[in-house]
Amino acid sequence: MRKEAIMARLILTANLLALMISLYGCTESNSGRGQLVADKTRRATDRHAVIEAAQDKEVDIVENMSLHRRAYRQSLEALIKHYRTTGDYMKREWAQKELAALDAIPQYNYIIEASVAGPDLTASEEIPEADDLYYGAQVIEDEARKLVFIKSSEKLRIALDRYNQIIRQYPTSDKIDDAAFMAGKICEEFKDYSIALIYYQRTYQWNTETIYPARYKAARVLDDKLHRRNEALELYSQALKYDMLNASQREFIQERVAELSASKGVTD
């Protein structure tokens, strides 16, 4: 009976694995690919001390789930080590297969740092540790763009994690707007458009004089990807006024504002 139960569990794990892989293969908007856990050996993360009650509850649930993820992995690794010591090849192979299945199942970072941090931070202080993290993340991101798709995606998630670490650990750093903008670009690449929008918004909320065209990028996401055209029109206008734009960006915005304004006039 015990052997049958183990085999049934293995079959269930394989079926779940096949289902999750098929779901992961989809590339629809807001797929969450940018929120996949970059380093599956690391689960627990520190959080801000002040978080709204609903967010606080979410953090507790997510961190508890993360601890269970890690405990499951550690138990499988301990089993593999035990069966290697005792020479039980068959059971060691089972445990190795189960660990491989665990690694193949997508695991997400459910806490989006920019959302938790809120719009009221100010990018004001020069903090060497934050600077080091930022420039290190840029190196990782540059390396990612030289790799093939799967390895590139993993590297980009690691870079995204570093940008989030800046926001999480150094919320007064003058690099938080830089980190938010770079995180937004990565999330947009992963087709996580709603998350990218939050990061772009945080960029200009945290530094109203940011050097990045964050309002323009946010407006493009609202316009092209989320189809929230009234909000896009407002942000396009703000981008013309506040963003550091190149000639082609400025020309595009002027044309798009005219189109959206005309369309709004017809539908009003």
C-alpha atoms as a PDB file:
ATOM      1  CA  MET A   1       0.000   0.000   0.000  1.00  0.00           C
ATOM      2  CA  ARG A   2       2.836   2.393   0.887  1.00  0.00           C
ATOM      3  CA  LYS A   3       4.502   1.786  -2.495  1.00  0.00           C
ATOM      4  CA  GLU A   4       1.181   2.355  -4.291  1.00  0.00           C
ATOM      5  CA  ALA A   5       0.672   5.627  -2.403  1.00  0.00           C
ATOM      6  CA  ILE A   6       4.133   6.822  -3.399  1.00  0.00           C
ATOM      7  CA  MET A   7       3.559   5.924  -7.036  1.00  0.00           C
ATOM      8  CA  ALA A   8       0.178   7.689  -6.995  1.00  0.00           C
ATOM      9  CA  ARG A   9       1.851  10.789  -5.629  1.00  0.00           C
ATOM     10  CA  LEU A  10       4.488  10.659  -8.352  1.00  0.00           C
ATOM     11  CA  ILE A  11       1.826  10.365 -11.053  1.00  0.00           C
ATOM     12  CA  LEU A  12      -0.061  13.322  -9.542  1.00  0.00           C
ATOM     13  CA  THR A  13       3.164  15.375  -9.449  1.00  0.00           C
ATOM     14  CA  ALA A  14       3.888  14.550 -13.100  1.00  0.00           C
ATOM     15  CA  ASN A  15       0.375  15.570 -14.158  1.00  0.00           C
ATOM     16  CA  LEU A  16       0.635  18.813 -12.210  1.00  0.00           C
ATOM     17  CA  LEU A  17       4.008  19.473 -13.776  1.00  0.00           C
ATOM     18  CA  ALA A  18       2.634  18.994 -17.288  1.00  0.00           C
ATOM     19  CA  LEU A  19      -0.260  21.338 -16.539  1.00  0.00           C
ATOM     20  CA  MET A  20       1.963  24.062 -15.114  1.00  0.00           C
ATOM     21  CA  ILE A  21       4.435  23.862 -17.988  1.00  0.00           C
ATOM     22  CA  SER A  22       1.596  24.247 -20.490  1.00  0.00           C
ATOM     23  CA  LEU A  23       0.299  27.281 -18.608  1.00  0.00           C
ATOM     24  CA  TYR A  24       3.779  28.791 -18.352  1.00  0.00           C
ATOM     25  CA  GLY A  25       4.158  28.519 -22.103  1.00  0.00           C
ATOM     26  CA  CYS A  26       1.422  31.105 -22.619  1.00  0.00           C
ATOM     27  CA  THR A  27       2.553  34.660 -23.392  1.00  0.00           C
ATOM     28  CA  GLU A  28      -0.601  36.651 -22.678  1.00  0.00           C
ATOM     29  CA  SER A  29      -0.539  40.082 -21.039  1.00  0.00           C
ATOM     30  CA  ASN A  30       0.188  40.210 -17.319  1.00  0.00           C
ATOM     31  CA  SER A  31       1.573  36.681 -17.450  1.00  0.00           C
ATOM     32  CA  GLY A  32       3.573  37.183 -14.252  1.00  0.00           C
ATOM     33  CA  ARG A  33       6.798  35.947 -15.852  1.00  0.00           C
ATOM     34  CA  GLY A  34       8.699  38.852 -14.338  1.00  0.00           C
ATOM     35  CA  GLN A  35       7.518  37.789 -10.904  1.00  0.00           C
ATOM     36  CA  LEU A  36       8.837  34.244 -11.166  1.00  0.00           C
ATOM     37  CA  VAL A  37      11.227  33.500  -8.329  1.00  0.00           C
ATOM     38  CA  ALA A  38      14.730  34.084  -9.703  1.00  0.00           C
ATOM     39  CA  ASP A  39      16.646  31.988  -7.181  1.00  0.00           C
ATOM     40  CA  LYS A  40      14.666  28.943  -6.093  1.00  0.00           C
ATOM     41  CA  THR A  41      17.021  28.191  -3.194  1.00  0.00           C
ATOM     42  CA  ARG A  42      16.079  31.468  -1.530  1.00  0.00           C
ATOM     43  CA  ARG A  43      12.535  31.904  -0.242  1.00  0.00           C
ATOM     44  CA  ALA A  44      12.270  34.236   2.777  1.00  0.00           C
ATOM     45  CA  THR A  45      12.436  38.050   2.262  1.00  0.00           C
ATOM     46  CA  ASP A  46      12.363  41.035   4.620  1.00  0.00           C
ATOM     47  CA  ARG A  47       9.498  43.542   4.408  1.00  0.00           C
ATOM     48  CA  HIS A  48       8.797  47.154   5.220  1.00  0.00           C
ATOM     49  CA  ALA A  49       7.777  47.794   8.820  1.00  0.00           C
ATOM     50  CA  VAL A  50       4.773  49.936   7.873  1.00  0.00           C
ATOM     51  CA  ILE A  51       2.303  48.271   5.511  1.00  0.00           C
ATOM     52  CA  GLU A  52      -1.455  48.619   5.240  1.00  0.00           C
ATOM     53  CA  ALA A  53      -3.454  45.952   7.104  1.00  0.00           C
ATOM     54  CA  ALA A  54      -4.588  44.111   3.963  1.00  0.00           C
ATOM     55  CA  GLN A  55      -1.065  44.134   2.564  1.00  0.00           C
ATOM     56  CA  ASP A  56       0.297  43.014   5.923  1.00  0.00           C
ATOM     57  CA  LYS A  57      -2.010  39.990   5.852  1.00  0.00           C
ATOM     58  CA  GLU A  58      -0.902  39.217   2.300  1.00  0.00           C
ATOM     59  CA  VAL A  59       2.756  39.429   3.321  1.00  0.00           C
ATOM     60  CA  ASP A  60       2.164  37.016   6.223  1.00  0.00           C
ATOM     61  CA  ILE A  61       0.442  34.498   3.937  1.00  0.00           C
ATOM     62  CA  VAL A  62       3.071  34.772   1.197  1.00  0.00           C
ATOM     63  CA  GLU A  63       5.995  34.478   3.608  1.00  0.00           C
ATOM     64  CA  ASN A  64       4.379  31.470   5.298  1.00  0.00           C
ATOM     65  CA  MET A  65       3.920  29.853   1.889  1.00  0.00           C
ATOM     66  CA  SER A  66       7.549  30.627   1.035  1.00  0.00           C
ATOM     67  CA  LEU A  67       8.735  28.939   4.215  1.00  0.00           C
ATOM     68  CA  HIS A  68       6.752  25.821   3.301  1.00  0.00           C
ATOM     69  CA  ARG A  69       8.282  25.885  -0.193  1.00  0.00           C
ATOM     70  CA  ARG A  70      11.743  25.964   1.319  1.00  0.00           C
ATOM     71  CA  ALA A  71      10.956  23.257   3.897  1.00  0.00           C
ATOM     72  CA  TYR A  72       9.635  20.978   1.135  1.00  0.00           C
ATOM     73  CA  ARG A  73      12.824  21.453  -0.880  1.00  0.00           C
ATOM     74  CA  GLN A  74      15.050  20.849   2.143  1.00  0.00           C
ATOM     75  CA  SER A  75      13.154  17.666   3.003  1.00  0.00           C
ATOM     76  CA  LEU A  76      13.623  16.308  -0.510  1.00  0.00           C
ATOM     77  CA  GLU A  77      17.320  17.195  -0.449  1.00  0.00           C
ATOM     78  CA  ALA A  78      17.654  15.429   2.931  1.00  0.00           C
ATOM     79  CA  LEU A  79      15.935  12.338   1.502  1.00  0.00           C
ATOM     80  CA  ILE A  80      18.304  12.262  -1.459  1.00  0.00           C
ATOM     81  CA  LYS A  81      21.293  12.518   0.867  1.00  0.00           C
ATOM     82  CA  HIS A  82      19.891   9.776   3.139  1.00  0.00           C
ATOM     83  CA  TYR A  83      19.225   7.350   0.289  1.00  0.00           C
ATOM     84  CA  ARG A  84      22.646   8.064  -1.191  1.00  0.00           C
ATOM     85  CA  THR A  85      24.206   7.140   2.178  1.00  0.00           C
ATOM     86  CA  THR A  86      22.127   3.983   2.593  1.00  0.00           C
ATOM     87  CA  GLY A  87      22.605   2.919  -1.019  1.00  0.00           C
ATOM     88  CA  ASP A  88      18.878   2.820  -1.811  1.00  0.00           C
ATOM     89  CA  TYR A  89      19.129   3.733  -5.495  1.00  0.00           C
ATOM     90  CA  MET A  90      15.414   3.369  -6.302  1.00  0.00           C
ATOM     91  CA  LYS A  91      14.157   5.733  -3.560  1.00  0.00           C
ATOM     92  CA  ARG A  92      16.961   8.196  -4.228  1.00  0.00           C
ATOM     93  CA  GLU A  93      15.826   8.322  -7.854  1.00  0.00           C
ATOM     94  CA  TRP A  94      12.230   8.962  -6.743  1.00  0.00           C
ATOM     95  CA  ALA A  95      13.301  11.861  -4.532  1.00  0.00           C
ATOM     96  CA  GLN A  96      15.463  13.307  -7.305  1.00  0.00           C
ATOM     97  CA  LYS A  97      12.547  13.165  -9.742  1.00  0.00           C
ATOM     98  CA  GLU A  98      10.270  14.876  -7.249  1.00  0.00           C
ATOM     99  CA  LEU A  99      12.855  17.616  -6.673  1.00  0.00           C
ATOM    100  CA  ALA A 100      13.208  18.073 -10.442  1.00  0.00           C
ATOM    101  CA  ALA A 101       9.415  18.393 -10.718  1.00  0.00           C
ATOM    102  CA  LEU A 102       9.418  21.006  -7.959  1.00  0.00           C
ATOM    103  CA  ASP A 103      12.090  23.005  -9.802  1.00  0.00           C
ATOM    104  CA  ALA A 104      10.079  22.902 -13.036  1.00  0.00           C
ATOM    105  CA  ILE A 105       6.871  24.294 -11.519  1.00  0.00           C
ATOM    106  CA  PRO A 106       6.662  28.133 -11.816  1.00  0.00           C
ATOM    107  CA  GLN A 107       7.003  29.913  -8.472  1.00  0.00           C
ATOM    108  CA  TYR A 108       6.102  33.593  -8.195  1.00  0.00           C
ATOM    109  CA  ASN A 109       7.058  36.584  -6.077  1.00  0.00           C
ATOM    110  CA  TYR A 110       3.531  37.612  -5.107  1.00  0.00           C
ATOM    111  CA  ILE A 111       4.637  40.819  -3.387  1.00  0.00           C
ATOM    112  CA  ILE A 112       5.321  43.605  -5.898  1.00  0.00           C
ATOM    113  CA  GLU A 113       7.795  45.943  -4.206  1.00  0.00           C
ATOM    114  CA  ALA A 114       6.685  49.132  -5.974  1.00  0.00           C
ATOM    115  CA  SER A 115       3.073  48.488  -4.966  1.00  0.00           C
ATOM    116  CA  VAL A 116       3.990  47.844  -1.334  1.00  0.00           C
ATOM    117  CA  ALA A 117       6.274  50.876  -1.155  1.00  0.00           C
ATOM    118  CA  GLY A 118       3.559  53.291  -2.272  1.00  0.00           C
ATOM    119  CA  PRO A 119       3.879  56.613  -4.120  1.00  0.00           C
ATOM    120  CA  ASP A 120       5.124  58.753  -1.208  1.00  0.00           C
ATOM    121  CA  LEU A 121       8.813  57.830  -1.133  1.00  0.00           C
ATOM    122  CA  THR A 122      11.405  60.446  -2.096  1.00  0.00           C
ATOM    123  CA  ALA A 123      14.601  59.644  -3.975  1.00  0.00           C
ATOM    124  CA  SER A 124      16.867  61.936  -1.992  1.00  0.00           C
ATOM    125  CA  GLU A 125      19.932  60.332  -0.368  1.00  0.00           C
ATOM    126  CA  GLU A 126      23.187  59.101  -1.816  1.00  0.00           C
ATOM    127  CA  ILE A 127      23.660  55.658  -0.259  1.00  0.00           C
ATOM    128  CA  PRO A 128      26.779  53.746  -1.384  1.00  0.00           C
ATOM    129  CA  GLU A 129      25.246  50.321  -0.691  1.00  0.00           C
ATOM    130  CA  ALA A 130      22.241  51.163  -2.855  1.00  0.00           C
ATOM    131  CA  ASP A 131      24.521  52.474  -5.588  1.00  0.00           C
ATOM    132  CA  ASP A 132      26.499  49.214  -5.553  1.00  0.00           C
ATOM    133  CA  LEU A 133      23.301  47.176  -5.840  1.00  0.00           C
ATOM    134  CA  TYR A 134      22.086  49.325  -8.715  1.00  0.00           C
ATOM    135  CA  TYR A 135      25.262  49.119 -10.767  1.00  0.00           C
ATOM    136  CA  GLY A 136      25.501  45.391 -10.037  1.00  0.00           C
ATOM    137  CA  ALA A 137      21.940  44.929 -11.295  1.00  0.00           C
ATOM    138  CA  GLN A 138      22.832  46.804 -14.473  1.00  0.00           C
ATOM    139  CA  VAL A 139      25.757  44.462 -15.090  1.00  0.00           C
ATOM    140  CA  ILE A 140      23.466  41.438 -14.667  1.00  0.00           C
ATOM    141  CA  GLU A 141      20.887  42.996 -17.003  1.00  0.00           C
ATOM    142  CA  ASP A 142      23.554  43.677 -19.636  1.00  0.00           C
ATOM    143  CA  GLU A 143      24.753  40.070 -19.356  1.00  0.00           C
ATOM    144  CA  ALA A 144      21.173  38.832 -19.778  1.00  0.00           C
ATOM    145  CA  ARG A 145      20.815  40.503 -23.154  1.00  0.00           C
ATOM    146  CA  LYS A 146      23.755  38.509 -24.510  1.00  0.00           C
ATOM    147  CA  LEU A 147      22.164  35.140 -23.669  1.00  0.00           C
ATOM    148  CA  VAL A 148      19.543  32.901 -25.279  1.00  0.00           C
ATOM    149  CA  PHE A 149      15.915  33.294 -24.205  1.00  0.00           C
ATOM    150  CA  ILE A 150      15.625  30.917 -21.224  1.00  0.00           C
ATOM    151  CA  LYS A 151      18.919  31.913 -19.590  1.00  0.00           C
ATOM    152  CA  SER A 152      18.256  35.550 -20.458  1.00  0.00           C
ATOM    153  CA  SER A 153      14.892  35.433 -18.681  1.00  0.00           C
ATOM    154  CA  GLU A 154      16.478  33.982 -15.550  1.00  0.00           C
ATOM    155  CA  LYS A 155      19.176  36.669 -15.529  1.00  0.00           C
ATOM    156  CA  LEU A 156      16.593  39.407 -16.045  1.00  0.00           C
ATOM    157  CA  ARG A 157      14.621  38.104 -13.062  1.00  0.00           C
ATOM    158  CA  ILE A 158      17.786  38.275 -10.951  1.00  0.00           C
ATOM    159  CA  ALA A 159      18.356  41.871 -12.097  1.00  0.00           C
ATOM    160  CA  LEU A 160      14.720  42.685 -11.298  1.00  0.00           C
ATOM    161  CA  ASP A 161      15.194  41.198  -7.850  1.00  0.00           C
ATOM    162  CA  ARG A 162      18.218  43.477  -7.289  1.00  0.00           C
ATOM    163  CA  TYR A 163      16.253  46.562  -8.352  1.00  0.00           C
ATOM    164  CA  ASN A 164      13.504  45.562  -5.944  1.00  0.00           C
ATOM    165  CA  GLN A 165      16.077  45.065  -3.214  1.00  0.00           C
ATOM    166  CA  ILE A 166      17.090  48.715  -3.560  1.00  0.00           C
ATOM    167  CA  ILE A 167      13.476  49.824  -3.181  1.00  0.00           C
ATOM    168  CA  ARG A 168      12.944  47.486  -0.234  1.00  0.00           C
ATOM    169  CA  GLN A 169      16.128  48.115   1.743  1.00  0.00           C
ATOM    170  CA  TYR A 170      16.988  51.721   0.838  1.00  0.00           C
ATOM    171  CA  PRO A 171      13.670  53.557   0.334  1.00  0.00           C
ATOM    172  CA  THR A 172      15.314  57.002   0.643  1.00  0.00           C
ATOM    173  CA  SER A 173      18.100  56.274  -1.864  1.00  0.00           C
ATOM    174  CA  ASP A 174      18.444  58.532  -4.871  1.00  0.00           C
ATOM    175  CA  LYS A 175      18.537  55.317  -6.924  1.00  0.00           C
ATOM    176  CA  ILE A 176      14.960  54.197  -6.227  1.00  0.00           C
ATOM    177  CA  ASP A 177      13.556  56.051  -9.243  1.00  0.00           C
ATOM    178  CA  ASP A 178      16.306  54.586 -11.446  1.00  0.00           C
ATOM    179  CA  ALA A 179      15.567  51.112 -10.064  1.00  0.00           C
ATOM    180  CA  ALA A 180      11.826  51.536 -10.606  1.00  0.00           C
ATOM    181  CA  PHE A 181      12.277  52.593 -14.233  1.00  0.00           C
ATOM    182  CA  MET A 182      14.597  49.686 -15.005  1.00  0.00           C
ATOM    183  CA  ALA A 183      12.220  47.280 -13.249  1.00  0.00           C
ATOM    184  CA  GLY A 184       9.374  48.661 -15.355  1.00  0.00           C
ATOM    185  CA  LYS A 185      11.288  47.976 -18.577  1.00  0.00           C
ATOM    186  CA  ILE A 186      11.976  44.380 -17.525  1.00  0.00           C
ATOM    187  CA  CYS A 187       8.353  43.780 -16.538  1.00  0.00           C
ATOM    188  CA  GLU A 188       7.227  45.207 -19.871  1.00  0.00           C
ATOM    189  CA  GLU A 189       9.540  42.755 -21.647  1.00  0.00           C
ATOM    190  CA  PHE A 190       7.917  39.939 -19.676  1.00  0.00           C
ATOM    191  CA  LYS A 191       4.493  41.278 -20.801  1.00  0.00           C
ATOM    192  CA  ASP A 192       3.598  42.083 -17.175  1.00  0.00           C
ATOM    193  CA  TYR A 193       2.037  45.342 -18.258  1.00  0.00           C
ATOM    194  CA  SER A 194       0.043  46.205 -15.149  1.00  0.00           C
ATOM    195  CA  ILE A 195       3.164  45.737 -13.017  1.00  0.00           C
ATOM    196  CA  ALA A 196       5.303  47.722 -15.462  1.00  0.00           C
ATOM    197  CA  LEU A 197       2.795  50.571 -15.200  1.00  0.00           C
ATOM    198  CA  ILE A 198       3.189  50.679 -11.411  1.00  0.00           C
ATOM    199  CA  TYR A 199       6.973  50.880 -11.701  1.00  0.00           C
ATOM    200  CA  TYR A 200       6.840  53.675 -14.294  1.00  0.00           C
ATOM    201  CA  GLN A 201       4.390  55.612 -12.112  1.00  0.00           C
ATOM    202  CA  ARG A 202       6.629  55.190  -9.076  1.00  0.00           C
ATOM    203  CA  THR A 203       9.577  56.534 -11.081  1.00  0.00           C
ATOM    204  CA  TYR A 204       8.093  60.020 -11.486  1.00  0.00           C
ATOM    205  CA  GLN A 205       6.221  59.897  -8.173  1.00  0.00           C
ATOM    206  CA  TRP A 206       9.441  59.261  -6.268  1.00  0.00           C
ATOM    207  CA  ASN A 207      11.410  61.815  -8.293  1.00  0.00           C
ATOM    208  CA  THR A 208       9.354  64.461 -10.069  1.00  0.00           C
ATOM    209  CA  GLU A 209      12.491  65.582 -11.938  1.00  0.00           C
ATOM    210  CA  THR A 210      13.626  62.107 -12.965  1.00  0.00           C
ATOM    211  CA  ILE A 211      15.782  61.951 -16.087  1.00  0.00           C
ATOM    212  CA  TYR A 212      13.741  59.018 -17.419  1.00  0.00           C
ATOM    213  CA  PRO A 213      10.694  59.445 -19.725  1.00  0.00           C
ATOM    214  CA  ALA A 214       8.553  57.572 -17.207  1.00  0.00           C
ATOM    215  CA  ARG A 215       5.293  59.395 -17.900  1.00  0.00           C
ATOM    216  CA  TYR A 216       5.722  58.681 -21.597  1.00  0.00           C
ATOM    217  CA  LYS A 217       6.397  54.984 -20.918  1.00  0.00           C
ATOM    218  CA  ALA A 218       3.425  54.755 -18.554  1.00  0.00           C
ATOM    219  CA  ALA A 219       1.203  56.432 -21.134  1.00  0.00           C
ATOM    220  CA  ARG A 220       2.323  53.989 -23.840  1.00  0.00           C
ATOM    221  CA  VAL A 221       1.466  51.018 -21.599  1.00  0.00           C
ATOM    222  CA  LEU A 222      -1.940  52.522 -20.783  1.00  0.00           C
ATOM    223  CA  ASP A 223      -2.580  53.266 -24.453  1.00  0.00           C
ATOM    224  CA  ASP A 224      -1.135  50.268 -26.315  1.00  0.00           C
ATOM    225  CA  LYS A 225      -1.405  47.425 -23.792  1.00  0.00           C
ATOM    226  CA  LEU A 226      -4.133  48.200 -21.245  1.00  0.00           C
ATOM    227  CA  HIS A 227      -6.362  50.295 -23.557  1.00  0.00           C
ATOM    228  CA  ARG A 228      -7.073  52.883 -20.849  1.00  0.00           C
ATOM    229  CA  ARG A 229      -7.011  55.717 -23.323  1.00  0.00           C
ATOM    230  CA  ASN A 230      -8.368  58.580 -21.177  1.00  0.00           C
ATOM    231  CA  GLU A 231      -5.630  57.993 -18.605  1.00  0.00           C
ATOM    232  CA  ALA A 232      -3.086  57.690 -21.403  1.00  0.00           C
ATOM    233  CA  LEU A 233      -4.164  61.031 -22.877  1.00  0.00           C
ATOM    234  CA  GLU A 234      -3.642  62.787 -19.558  1.00  0.00           C
ATOM    235  CA  LEU A 235      -0.202  61.231 -19.090  1.00  0.00           C
ATOM    236  CA  TYR A 236       0.866  62.034 -22.651  1.00  0.00           C
ATOM    237  CA  SER A 237       0.124  65.685 -21.915  1.00  0.00           C
ATOM    238  CA  GLN A 238       2.123  65.522 -18.688  1.00  0.00           C
ATOM    239  CA  ALA A 239       4.996  63.844 -20.524  1.00  0.00           C
ATOM    240  CA  LEU A 240       5.175  66.728 -23.003  1.00  0.00           C
ATOM    241  CA  LYS A 241       5.426  69.127 -20.099  1.00  0.00           C
ATOM    242  CA  TYR A 242       7.757  67.290 -17.713  1.00  0.00           C
ATOM    243  CA  ASP A 243       9.631  64.391 -19.389  1.00  0.00           C
ATOM    244  CA  MET A 244      13.035  64.595 -21.052  1.00  0.00           C
ATOM    245  CA  LEU A 245      11.992  63.401 -24.523  1.00  0.00           C
ATOM    246  CA  ASN A 246      13.822  62.951 -27.784  1.00  0.00           C
ATOM    247  CA  ALA A 247      12.433  64.382 -31.010  1.00  0.00           C
ATOM    248  CA  SER A 248      10.709  61.181 -32.168  1.00  0.00           C
ATOM    249  CA  GLN A 249       9.027  60.656 -28.780  1.00  0.00           C
ATOM    250  CA  ARG A 250       7.771  64.222 -28.734  1.00  0.00           C
ATOM    251  CA  GLU A 251       6.457  63.960 -32.293  1.00  0.00           C
ATOM    252  CA  PHE A 252       4.695  60.659 -31.499  1.00  0.00           C
ATOM    253  CA  ILE A 253       3.033  62.127 -28.408  1.00  0.00           C
ATOM    254  CA  GLN A 254       1.786  65.197 -30.259  1.00  0.00           C
ATOM    255  CA  GLU A 255       0.236  63.026 -32.962  1.00  0.00           C
ATOM    256  CA  ARG A 256      -1.280  60.609 -30.450  1.00  0.00           C
ATOM    257  CA  VAL A 257      -2.708  63.406 -28.279  1.00  0.00           C
ATOM    258  CA  ALA A 258      -4.411  64.845 -31.364  1.00  0.00           C
ATOM    259  CA  GLU A 259      -5.859  61.428 -32.275  1.00  0.00           C
ATOM    260  CA  LEU A 260      -7.065  60.644 -28.762  1.00  0.00           C
ATOM    261  CA  SER A 261      -8.492  64.125 -28.272  1.00  0.00           C
ATOM    262  CA  ALA A 262     -10.431  63.863 -31.522  1.00  0.00           C
ATOM    263  CA  SER A 263     -11.695  60.414 -30.601  1.00  0.00           C
ATOM    264  CA  LYS A 264     -12.728  61.623 -27.162  1.00  0.00           C
ATOM    265  CA  GLY A 265     -14.610  64.527 -28.722  1.00  0.00           C
ATOM    266  CA  VAL A 266     -16.583  62.112 -30.915  1.00  0.00           C
ATOM    267  CA  THR A 267     -17.515  59.797 -28.033  1.00  0.00           C
ATOM    268  CA  ASP A 268     -18.322  62.489 -25.441  1.00  0.00           C
END
